[in-house]
Amino acid sequence: MTATEDSDLLQTQLLQRWNATLLAARAGREGPDPAPYGRELLGRWAEPQRRYHTVTHLRAVLDRIDELADQGGEGGELELVRLAAWFHDAVYRPDRSENEERSAALAERALNEAGLTAHEVAEVARLVRLTVTHDPDPGDLNGETLCDADLAILAGGPDTYRGYAAAVREEYGFVPDDAFREGRAAVLRQLLDLPRLFRTPYGAAVWESKARENLERELKELTAA
């Protein structure tokens, strides 16, 4: 299979997942065809400035949400969590600081039109905004699930983690090396200072230790450079 065929297959699979998720969230209520909304989102996730925040990242977050649900059913409103995953980086410019807010506003406009209730729209938007800090309140099952799924890349194998770190550097290619190392190191220290990176029982048990190893190794490499 060629790279183009691979990409087309991924887009098709993701669109099917989007359609199923939006229909499940509507729970039989009438609404417009989900597909145009999904195609617009996929177009956003395929923008040329992206290196890490791509459809591959979107698929990974959706897969990790499924994994959390399968490994003990973290609870919460999983269809809304999945919708929040679709929107959480839908607006992404590495040179801007308001990406999450603009992504949440996009979710509010699109999902209101797409047939969700006011509560459902508000919850998806809240979850998108929560990815600014990845710091859900205790007992926030929806927030814990989304944030853990989004951060699960930190617990990847060494090659996967290096690929992630390299892709992030590419997205910030406009930043000089010294400034990037300083900023990235500050982000890593902030993460390492958290009492827990992962809030779900599964995430804490399976991903926490490996993620901290990866973060500490990258921080050591940055500061040595």
C-alpha atoms as a PDB file:
ATOM      1  CA  MET A   1       0.000   0.000   0.000  1.00  0.00           C
ATOM      2  CA  THR A   2       1.377   3.420  -0.947  1.00  0.00           C
ATOM      3  CA  ALA A   3       1.625   6.346   1.466  1.00  0.00           C
ATOM      4  CA  THR A   4      -1.294   8.021  -0.319  1.00  0.00           C
ATOM      5  CA  GLU A   5      -3.430   4.892  -0.048  1.00  0.00           C
ATOM      6  CA  ASP A   6      -2.481   4.608   3.626  1.00  0.00           C
ATOM      7  CA  SER A   7      -3.527   8.194   4.217  1.00  0.00           C
ATOM      8  CA  ASP A   8      -6.807   7.746   2.343  1.00  0.00           C
ATOM      9  CA  LEU A   9      -7.624   4.617   4.352  1.00  0.00           C
ATOM     10  CA  LEU A  10      -6.927   6.422   7.636  1.00  0.00           C
ATOM     11  CA  GLN A  11      -9.146   9.326   6.608  1.00  0.00           C
ATOM     12  CA  THR A  12     -11.945   6.914   5.661  1.00  0.00           C
ATOM     13  CA  GLN A  13     -11.678   5.023   8.936  1.00  0.00           C
ATOM     14  CA  LEU A  14     -11.647   8.215  10.968  1.00  0.00           C
ATOM     15  CA  LEU A  15     -14.654   9.598   9.147  1.00  0.00           C
ATOM     16  CA  GLN A  16     -16.558   6.400   9.938  1.00  0.00           C
ATOM     17  CA  ARG A  17     -15.608   6.774  13.609  1.00  0.00           C
ATOM     18  CA  TRP A  18     -16.720  10.401  13.607  1.00  0.00           C
ATOM     19  CA  ASN A  19     -20.085   9.551  12.051  1.00  0.00           C
ATOM     20  CA  ALA A  20     -20.690   6.779  14.590  1.00  0.00           C
ATOM     21  CA  THR A  21     -19.682   8.996  17.515  1.00  0.00           C
ATOM     22  CA  LEU A  22     -21.878  11.944  16.574  1.00  0.00           C
ATOM     23  CA  LEU A  23     -24.873   9.704  15.891  1.00  0.00           C
ATOM     24  CA  ALA A  24     -24.375   7.934  19.226  1.00  0.00           C
ATOM     25  CA  ALA A  25     -24.093  11.264  21.038  1.00  0.00           C
ATOM     26  CA  ARG A  26     -27.372  12.415  19.453  1.00  0.00           C
ATOM     27  CA  ALA A  27     -29.009   9.228  20.776  1.00  0.00           C
ATOM     28  CA  GLY A  28     -31.604   9.000  18.035  1.00  0.00           C
ATOM     29  CA  ARG A  29     -32.404  12.712  17.874  1.00  0.00           C
ATOM     30  CA  GLU A  30     -32.763  14.259  14.447  1.00  0.00           C
ATOM     31  CA  GLY A  31     -29.897  16.248  13.014  1.00  0.00           C
ATOM     32  CA  PRO A  32     -27.885  16.949   9.894  1.00  0.00           C
ATOM     33  CA  ASP A  33     -25.634  14.447   8.144  1.00  0.00           C
ATOM     34  CA  PRO A  34     -22.504  14.041  10.331  1.00  0.00           C
ATOM     35  CA  ALA A  35     -20.149  13.490   7.386  1.00  0.00           C
ATOM     36  CA  PRO A  36     -19.593  17.125   6.285  1.00  0.00           C
ATOM     37  CA  TYR A  37     -18.599  18.076   9.818  1.00  0.00           C
ATOM     38  CA  GLY A  38     -16.180  15.157   9.972  1.00  0.00           C
ATOM     39  CA  ARG A  39     -14.635  16.028   6.625  1.00  0.00           C
ATOM     40  CA  GLU A  40     -14.094  19.625   7.718  1.00  0.00           C
ATOM     41  CA  LEU A  41     -12.396  18.472  10.915  1.00  0.00           C
ATOM     42  CA  LEU A  42     -10.172  16.030   9.036  1.00  0.00           C
ATOM     43  CA  GLY A  43      -9.152  18.854   6.733  1.00  0.00           C
ATOM     44  CA  ARG A  44      -8.115  20.898   9.736  1.00  0.00           C
ATOM     45  CA  TRP A  45      -6.114  18.008  11.203  1.00  0.00           C
ATOM     46  CA  ALA A  46      -4.257  17.673   7.870  1.00  0.00           C
ATOM     47  CA  GLU A  47      -3.073  21.302   7.651  1.00  0.00           C
ATOM     48  CA  PRO A  48       0.531  21.717   6.462  1.00  0.00           C
ATOM     49  CA  GLN A  49       1.877  23.425   9.609  1.00  0.00           C
ATOM     50  CA  ARG A  50       1.238  20.273  11.634  1.00  0.00           C
ATOM     51  CA  ARG A  51       3.896  17.665  12.355  1.00  0.00           C
ATOM     52  CA  TYR A  52       2.724  16.087  15.606  1.00  0.00           C
ATOM     53  CA  HIS A  53      -0.848  17.406  15.884  1.00  0.00           C
ATOM     54  CA  THR A  54      -2.005  15.432  12.852  1.00  0.00           C
ATOM     55  CA  VAL A  55      -4.656  12.825  12.084  1.00  0.00           C
ATOM     56  CA  THR A  56      -2.219  10.264  13.490  1.00  0.00           C
ATOM     57  CA  HIS A  57      -2.376  12.004  16.869  1.00  0.00           C
ATOM     58  CA  LEU A  58      -6.165  12.212  16.610  1.00  0.00           C
ATOM     59  CA  ARG A  59      -6.389   8.472  15.959  1.00  0.00           C
ATOM     60  CA  ALA A  60      -4.027   7.760  18.861  1.00  0.00           C
ATOM     61  CA  VAL A  61      -6.121   9.806  21.299  1.00  0.00           C
ATOM     62  CA  LEU A  62      -9.317   8.082  20.158  1.00  0.00           C
ATOM     63  CA  ASP A  63      -7.620   4.688  20.520  1.00  0.00           C
ATOM     64  CA  ARG A  64      -6.441   5.542  24.034  1.00  0.00           C
ATOM     65  CA  ILE A  65      -9.972   6.609  25.014  1.00  0.00           C
ATOM     66  CA  ASP A  66     -11.168   3.193  23.817  1.00  0.00           C
ATOM     67  CA  GLU A  67      -8.341   1.527  25.736  1.00  0.00           C
ATOM     68  CA  LEU A  68      -9.307   3.321  28.944  1.00  0.00           C
ATOM     69  CA  ALA A  69     -12.934   2.329  28.451  1.00  0.00           C
ATOM     70  CA  ASP A  70     -11.965  -1.301  27.801  1.00  0.00           C
ATOM     71  CA  GLN A  71      -9.608  -1.513  30.768  1.00  0.00           C
ATOM     72  CA  GLY A  72     -12.069  -0.839  33.501  1.00  0.00           C
ATOM     73  CA  GLY A  73     -14.660   1.541  32.064  1.00  0.00           C
ATOM     74  CA  GLU A  74     -13.493   4.868  33.461  1.00  0.00           C
ATOM     75  CA  GLY A  75     -17.084   6.043  33.371  1.00  0.00           C
ATOM     76  CA  GLY A  76     -18.286   9.431  32.268  1.00  0.00           C
ATOM     77  CA  GLU A  77     -19.908  10.323  28.967  1.00  0.00           C
ATOM     78  CA  LEU A  78     -17.595   8.588  26.533  1.00  0.00           C
ATOM     79  CA  GLU A  79     -19.221   9.857  23.348  1.00  0.00           C
ATOM     80  CA  LEU A  80     -18.753  13.432  24.532  1.00  0.00           C
ATOM     81  CA  VAL A  81     -15.151  12.643  25.446  1.00  0.00           C
ATOM     82  CA  ARG A  82     -14.600  11.267  21.941  1.00  0.00           C
ATOM     83  CA  LEU A  83     -16.134  14.388  20.408  1.00  0.00           C
ATOM     84  CA  ALA A  84     -13.828  16.517  22.550  1.00  0.00           C
ATOM     85  CA  ALA A  85     -10.876  14.534  21.217  1.00  0.00           C
ATOM     86  CA  TRP A  86     -11.929  15.430  17.686  1.00  0.00           C
ATOM     87  CA  PHE A  87     -12.054  19.131  18.534  1.00  0.00           C
ATOM     88  CA  HIS A  88      -9.210  19.485  21.054  1.00  0.00           C
ATOM     89  CA  ASP A  89      -6.578  20.457  18.454  1.00  0.00           C
ATOM     90  CA  ALA A  90      -8.915  21.281  15.584  1.00  0.00           C
ATOM     91  CA  VAL A  91      -7.538  24.815  15.585  1.00  0.00           C
ATOM     92  CA  TYR A  92      -3.765  24.606  15.797  1.00  0.00           C
ATOM     93  CA  ARG A  93      -1.161  27.214  15.022  1.00  0.00           C
ATOM     94  CA  PRO A  94       2.133  26.658  16.883  1.00  0.00           C
ATOM     95  CA  ASP A  95       2.785  30.407  16.925  1.00  0.00           C
ATOM     96  CA  ARG A  96      -0.503  31.165  18.715  1.00  0.00           C
ATOM     97  CA  SER A  97      -1.503  30.776  22.356  1.00  0.00           C
ATOM     98  CA  GLU A  98      -5.289  30.668  21.983  1.00  0.00           C
ATOM     99  CA  ASN A  99      -5.604  27.374  20.107  1.00  0.00           C
ATOM    100  CA  GLU A 100      -7.648  25.583  22.761  1.00  0.00           C
ATOM    101  CA  GLU A 101     -10.061  28.480  23.166  1.00  0.00           C
ATOM    102  CA  ARG A 102     -10.581  28.757  19.427  1.00  0.00           C
ATOM    103  CA  SER A 103     -11.020  24.969  19.199  1.00  0.00           C
ATOM    104  CA  ALA A 104     -13.636  25.083  21.972  1.00  0.00           C
ATOM    105  CA  ALA A 105     -15.481  27.895  20.191  1.00  0.00           C
ATOM    106  CA  LEU A 106     -15.448  25.844  16.985  1.00  0.00           C
ATOM    107  CA  ALA A 107     -16.933  22.893  18.895  1.00  0.00           C
ATOM    108  CA  GLU A 108     -19.681  25.105  20.295  1.00  0.00           C
ATOM    109  CA  ARG A 109     -20.682  26.385  16.864  1.00  0.00           C
ATOM    110  CA  ALA A 110     -20.479  23.051  15.051  1.00  0.00           C
ATOM    111  CA  LEU A 111     -22.076  20.798  17.639  1.00  0.00           C
ATOM    112  CA  ASN A 112     -24.958  23.154  18.329  1.00  0.00           C
ATOM    113  CA  GLU A 113     -25.723  23.061  14.607  1.00  0.00           C
ATOM    114  CA  ALA A 114     -25.138  19.293  14.457  1.00  0.00           C
ATOM    115  CA  GLY A 115     -27.946  18.497  16.871  1.00  0.00           C
ATOM    116  CA  LEU A 116     -26.438  18.176  20.352  1.00  0.00           C
ATOM    117  CA  THR A 117     -28.173  19.562  23.430  1.00  0.00           C
ATOM    118  CA  ALA A 118     -26.931  22.660  25.221  1.00  0.00           C
ATOM    119  CA  HIS A 119     -25.500  20.492  28.025  1.00  0.00           C
ATOM    120  CA  GLU A 120     -23.648  18.255  25.586  1.00  0.00           C
ATOM    121  CA  VAL A 121     -22.184  21.171  23.654  1.00  0.00           C
ATOM    122  CA  ALA A 122     -21.071  22.875  26.854  1.00  0.00           C
ATOM    123  CA  GLU A 123     -19.435  19.696  28.144  1.00  0.00           C
ATOM    124  CA  VAL A 124     -17.464  19.089  24.952  1.00  0.00           C
ATOM    125  CA  ALA A 125     -16.265  22.694  24.962  1.00  0.00           C
ATOM    126  CA  ARG A 126     -15.293  22.444  28.632  1.00  0.00           C
ATOM    127  CA  LEU A 127     -13.252  19.341  27.928  1.00  0.00           C
ATOM    128  CA  VAL A 128     -11.459  21.001  25.025  1.00  0.00           C
ATOM    129  CA  ARG A 129     -10.539  23.958  27.256  1.00  0.00           C
ATOM    130  CA  LEU A 130      -9.306  21.536  29.913  1.00  0.00           C
ATOM    131  CA  THR A 131      -6.482  20.442  27.601  1.00  0.00           C
ATOM    132  CA  VAL A 132      -4.772  23.766  28.319  1.00  0.00           C
ATOM    133  CA  THR A 133      -3.759  22.475  31.762  1.00  0.00           C
ATOM    134  CA  HIS A 134      -4.527  18.730  31.677  1.00  0.00           C
ATOM    135  CA  ASP A 135      -5.558  19.209  35.305  1.00  0.00           C
ATOM    136  CA  PRO A 136      -9.084  17.836  35.834  1.00  0.00           C
ATOM    137  CA  ASP A 137     -10.710  18.088  39.238  1.00  0.00           C
ATOM    138  CA  PRO A 138     -10.956  14.879  41.299  1.00  0.00           C
ATOM    139  CA  GLY A 139     -13.971  12.908  40.171  1.00  0.00           C
ATOM    140  CA  ASP A 140     -14.144  14.563  36.749  1.00  0.00           C
ATOM    141  CA  LEU A 141     -14.366  11.289  34.848  1.00  0.00           C
ATOM    142  CA  ASN A 142     -14.769  12.895  31.442  1.00  0.00           C
ATOM    143  CA  GLY A 143     -11.812  15.190  32.013  1.00  0.00           C
ATOM    144  CA  GLU A 144      -9.611  12.448  33.413  1.00  0.00           C
ATOM    145  CA  THR A 145     -10.267  10.225  30.423  1.00  0.00           C
ATOM    146  CA  LEU A 146      -9.578  12.889  27.805  1.00  0.00           C
ATOM    147  CA  CYS A 147      -6.467  14.250  29.509  1.00  0.00           C
ATOM    148  CA  ASP A 148      -4.970  10.800  30.073  1.00  0.00           C
ATOM    149  CA  ALA A 149      -5.625   9.825  26.462  1.00  0.00           C
ATOM    150  CA  ASP A 150      -4.030  13.043  25.207  1.00  0.00           C
ATOM    151  CA  LEU A 151      -0.915  12.578  27.364  1.00  0.00           C
ATOM    152  CA  ALA A 152      -0.529   8.845  26.700  1.00  0.00           C
ATOM    153  CA  ILE A 153       2.105   9.573  24.001  1.00  0.00           C
ATOM    154  CA  LEU A 154       4.452  10.452  26.862  1.00  0.00           C
ATOM    155  CA  ALA A 155       4.469   6.774  27.829  1.00  0.00           C
ATOM    156  CA  GLY A 156       5.444   5.488  24.387  1.00  0.00           C
ATOM    157  CA  GLY A 157       8.469   3.337  23.700  1.00  0.00           C
ATOM    158  CA  PRO A 158      11.820   5.129  23.242  1.00  0.00           C
ATOM    159  CA  ASP A 159      11.558   5.362  19.448  1.00  0.00           C
ATOM    160  CA  THR A 160       7.933   6.495  19.586  1.00  0.00           C
ATOM    161  CA  TYR A 161       8.756   9.138  22.164  1.00  0.00           C
ATOM    162  CA  ARG A 162      11.743  10.415  20.196  1.00  0.00           C
ATOM    163  CA  GLY A 163       9.532  10.655  17.114  1.00  0.00           C
ATOM    164  CA  TYR A 164       6.999  12.652  19.123  1.00  0.00           C
ATOM    165  CA  ALA A 165       9.659  15.017  20.478  1.00  0.00           C
ATOM    166  CA  ALA A 166      11.170  15.495  17.012  1.00  0.00           C
ATOM    167  CA  ALA A 167       7.750  16.275  15.522  1.00  0.00           C
ATOM    168  CA  VAL A 168       7.084  18.867  18.221  1.00  0.00           C
ATOM    169  CA  ARG A 169      10.449  20.484  17.420  1.00  0.00           C
ATOM    170  CA  GLU A 170       9.486  20.600  13.735  1.00  0.00           C
ATOM    171  CA  GLU A 171       6.239  22.373  14.563  1.00  0.00           C
ATOM    172  CA  TYR A 172       8.291  25.018  16.360  1.00  0.00           C
ATOM    173  CA  GLY A 173      10.895  25.260  13.620  1.00  0.00           C
ATOM    174  CA  PHE A 174      10.544  29.053  13.627  1.00  0.00           C
ATOM    175  CA  VAL A 175      11.941  29.187  17.203  1.00  0.00           C
ATOM    176  CA  PRO A 176      15.757  29.357  17.576  1.00  0.00           C
ATOM    177  CA  ASP A 177      17.398  26.328  19.195  1.00  0.00           C
ATOM    178  CA  ASP A 178      18.364  28.002  22.465  1.00  0.00           C
ATOM    179  CA  ALA A 179      14.923  29.491  22.978  1.00  0.00           C
ATOM    180  CA  PHE A 180      13.226  26.208  22.114  1.00  0.00           C
ATOM    181  CA  ARG A 181      15.374  24.218  24.534  1.00  0.00           C
ATOM    182  CA  GLU A 182      14.623  26.687  27.315  1.00  0.00           C
ATOM    183  CA  GLY A 183      10.887  26.665  26.646  1.00  0.00           C
ATOM    184  CA  ARG A 184      10.646  22.922  26.165  1.00  0.00           C
ATOM    185  CA  ALA A 185      12.638  22.270  29.340  1.00  0.00           C
ATOM    186  CA  ALA A 186      10.222  24.490  31.279  1.00  0.00           C
ATOM    187  CA  VAL A 187       7.278  22.459  29.940  1.00  0.00           C
ATOM    188  CA  LEU A 188       8.956  19.184  30.907  1.00  0.00           C
ATOM    189  CA  ARG A 189       9.734  20.432  34.418  1.00  0.00           C
ATOM    190  CA  GLN A 190       6.141  21.557  34.830  1.00  0.00           C
ATOM    191  CA  LEU A 191       4.920  18.094  33.871  1.00  0.00           C
ATOM    192  CA  LEU A 192       7.427  16.338  36.121  1.00  0.00           C
ATOM    193  CA  ASP A 193       6.396  18.536  39.055  1.00  0.00           C
ATOM    194  CA  LEU A 194       2.807  17.298  38.858  1.00  0.00           C
ATOM    195  CA  PRO A 195       1.928  14.822  41.613  1.00  0.00           C
ATOM    196  CA  ARG A 196       0.407  12.599  38.933  1.00  0.00           C
ATOM    197  CA  LEU A 197       0.526  12.847  35.159  1.00  0.00           C
ATOM    198  CA  PHE A 198      -2.349  10.387  34.756  1.00  0.00           C
ATOM    199  CA  ARG A 199      -5.555  10.517  36.771  1.00  0.00           C
ATOM    200  CA  THR A 200      -7.397   7.356  35.756  1.00  0.00           C
ATOM    201  CA  PRO A 201      -6.496   4.165  37.644  1.00  0.00           C
ATOM    202  CA  TYR A 202      -5.374   2.500  34.412  1.00  0.00           C
ATOM    203  CA  GLY A 203      -3.298   5.443  33.272  1.00  0.00           C
ATOM    204  CA  ALA A 204      -1.614   5.760  36.648  1.00  0.00           C
ATOM    205  CA  ALA A 205      -0.800   2.048  36.762  1.00  0.00           C
ATOM    206  CA  VAL A 206       0.296   1.516  33.156  1.00  0.00           C
ATOM    207  CA  TRP A 207       1.576   4.845  31.796  1.00  0.00           C
ATOM    208  CA  GLU A 208       2.866   6.943  34.705  1.00  0.00           C
ATOM    209  CA  SER A 209       6.282   5.399  35.308  1.00  0.00           C
ATOM    210  CA  LYS A 210       7.244   5.100  31.642  1.00  0.00           C
ATOM    211  CA  ALA A 211       6.128   8.653  30.920  1.00  0.00           C
ATOM    212  CA  ARG A 212       8.278  10.039  33.709  1.00  0.00           C
ATOM    213  CA  GLU A 213      11.285   8.102  32.425  1.00  0.00           C
ATOM    214  CA  ASN A 214      10.795   9.594  28.965  1.00  0.00           C
ATOM    215  CA  LEU A 215      10.332  13.123  30.277  1.00  0.00           C
ATOM    216  CA  GLU A 216      13.384  12.906  32.508  1.00  0.00           C
ATOM    217  CA  ARG A 217      15.526  11.561  29.652  1.00  0.00           C
ATOM    218  CA  GLU A 218      14.433  14.313  27.271  1.00  0.00           C
ATOM    219  CA  LEU A 219      15.018  16.979  29.946  1.00  0.00           C
ATOM    220  CA  LYS A 220      18.516  15.626  30.587  1.00  0.00           C
ATOM    221  CA  GLU A 221      19.293  15.710  26.867  1.00  0.00           C
ATOM    222  CA  LEU A 222      17.989  19.245  26.508  1.00  0.00           C
ATOM    223  CA  THR A 223      19.926  20.611  29.437  1.00  0.00           C
ATOM    224  CA  ALA A 224      23.116  18.789  28.392  1.00  0.00           C
ATOM    225  CA  ALA A 225      22.852  20.390  24.946  1.00  0.00           C
END
